[in-house]
Amino acid sequence: MNVEIYTTNVKSQTDILYLLKILLFKLADCELDFDLRPQDSLLVATSNRPISEMLISTMRSEGFECSPLYAFS
């Protein structure tokens, strides 16, 4: 099981719902959890396969920033 944490610029629940629909369509076998904090917005992704490239490119194509912060398996 891989767990990856990303920093994002997602600021609202509306954006989270929008992104989850798109991301879960492309990464259906993954668990995604956004954590909105005052300073940072984090995305935690859990999967059984590498997803970093697909996740980052999808977020960026939708106009959001996404950078890897931490990964472990």
Protein backbone atom coordinates (compact mmCIF):
# COMPACT_ATOMS: atom_id res chain seq x y z
CA MET A 1 0.00 0.00 0.00
CA ASN A 2 1.40 3.39 -1.03
CA VAL A 3 0.50 6.58 0.79
CA GLU A 4 1.40 9.88 -0.83
CA ILE A 5 0.82 13.37 0.54
CA TYR A 6 0.61 16.41 -1.72
CA THR A 7 0.31 20.13 -1.13
CA THR A 8 -2.37 21.84 -3.22
CA ASN A 9 -4.00 25.22 -3.61
CA VAL A 10 -7.55 23.85 -3.27
CA LYS A 11 -9.53 26.22 -1.03
CA SER A 12 -13.18 25.16 -1.02
CA GLN A 13 -15.45 22.17 -0.56
CA THR A 14 -16.91 22.89 -4.00
CA ASP A 15 -13.47 22.50 -5.58
CA ILE A 16 -12.89 19.30 -3.59
CA LEU A 17 -16.13 17.74 -4.83
CA TYR A 18 -15.35 18.73 -8.41
CA LEU A 19 -11.81 17.30 -8.24
CA LEU A 20 -12.86 14.09 -6.52
CA LYS A 21 -15.28 13.31 -9.36
CA ILE A 22 -12.53 13.72 -11.93
CA LEU A 23 -9.74 12.06 -9.95
CA LEU A 24 -11.80 9.07 -8.86
CA PHE A 25 -12.89 8.51 -12.46
CA LYS A 26 -9.22 8.27 -13.50
CA LEU A 27 -7.95 6.67 -10.29
CA ALA A 28 -10.94 4.55 -9.27
CA ASP A 29 -8.88 2.11 -7.21
CA CYS A 30 -7.44 4.85 -4.97
CA GLU A 31 -8.56 6.48 -1.76
CA LEU A 32 -8.30 10.28 -1.80
CA ASP A 33 -8.73 12.62 1.14
CA PHE A 34 -8.40 16.41 1.10
CA ASP A 35 -7.50 18.27 4.27
CA LEU A 36 -8.13 22.01 4.13
CA ARG A 37 -5.99 23.90 6.61
CA PRO A 38 -5.54 27.63 7.08
CA GLN A 39 -1.99 27.64 5.69
CA ASP A 40 -1.95 24.52 3.52
CA SER A 41 -4.35 22.34 1.66
CA LEU A 42 -3.23 18.72 1.65
CA LEU A 43 -4.26 15.75 -0.43
CA VAL A 44 -3.58 12.26 0.91
CA ALA A 45 -3.70 9.48 -1.69
CA THR A 46 -3.63 5.77 -0.83
CA SER A 47 -3.20 3.20 -3.59
CA ASN A 48 -1.69 -0.10 -4.57
CA ARG A 49 0.11 1.36 -7.58
CA PRO A 50 2.08 4.47 -8.54
CA ILE A 51 -0.32 7.33 -9.23
CA SER A 52 1.80 10.46 -8.75
CA GLU A 53 2.16 11.43 -12.41
CA MET A 54 -1.52 10.93 -13.23
CA LEU A 55 -2.70 12.73 -10.10
CA ILE A 56 -0.40 15.74 -10.54
CA SER A 57 -1.11 16.10 -14.27
CA THR A 58 -4.88 15.88 -13.71
CA MET A 59 -4.82 18.48 -10.93
CA ARG A 60 -2.71 20.84 -13.06
CA SER A 61 -4.89 20.36 -16.14
CA GLU A 62 -7.87 21.44 -14.02
CA GLY A 63 -6.04 24.62 -12.97
CA PHE A 64 -4.84 23.59 -9.50
CA GLU A 65 -1.36 23.35 -8.05
CA CYS A 66 -0.21 19.97 -6.76
CA SER A 67 3.25 19.09 -5.46
CA PRO A 68 4.46 15.93 -3.74
CA LEU A 69 5.26 16.45 -0.08
CA TYR A 70 5.82 12.93 1.29
CA ALA A 71 5.45 9.33 0.17
CA PHE A 72 5.81 6.01 1.95
CA SER A 73 4.78 2.41 1.44
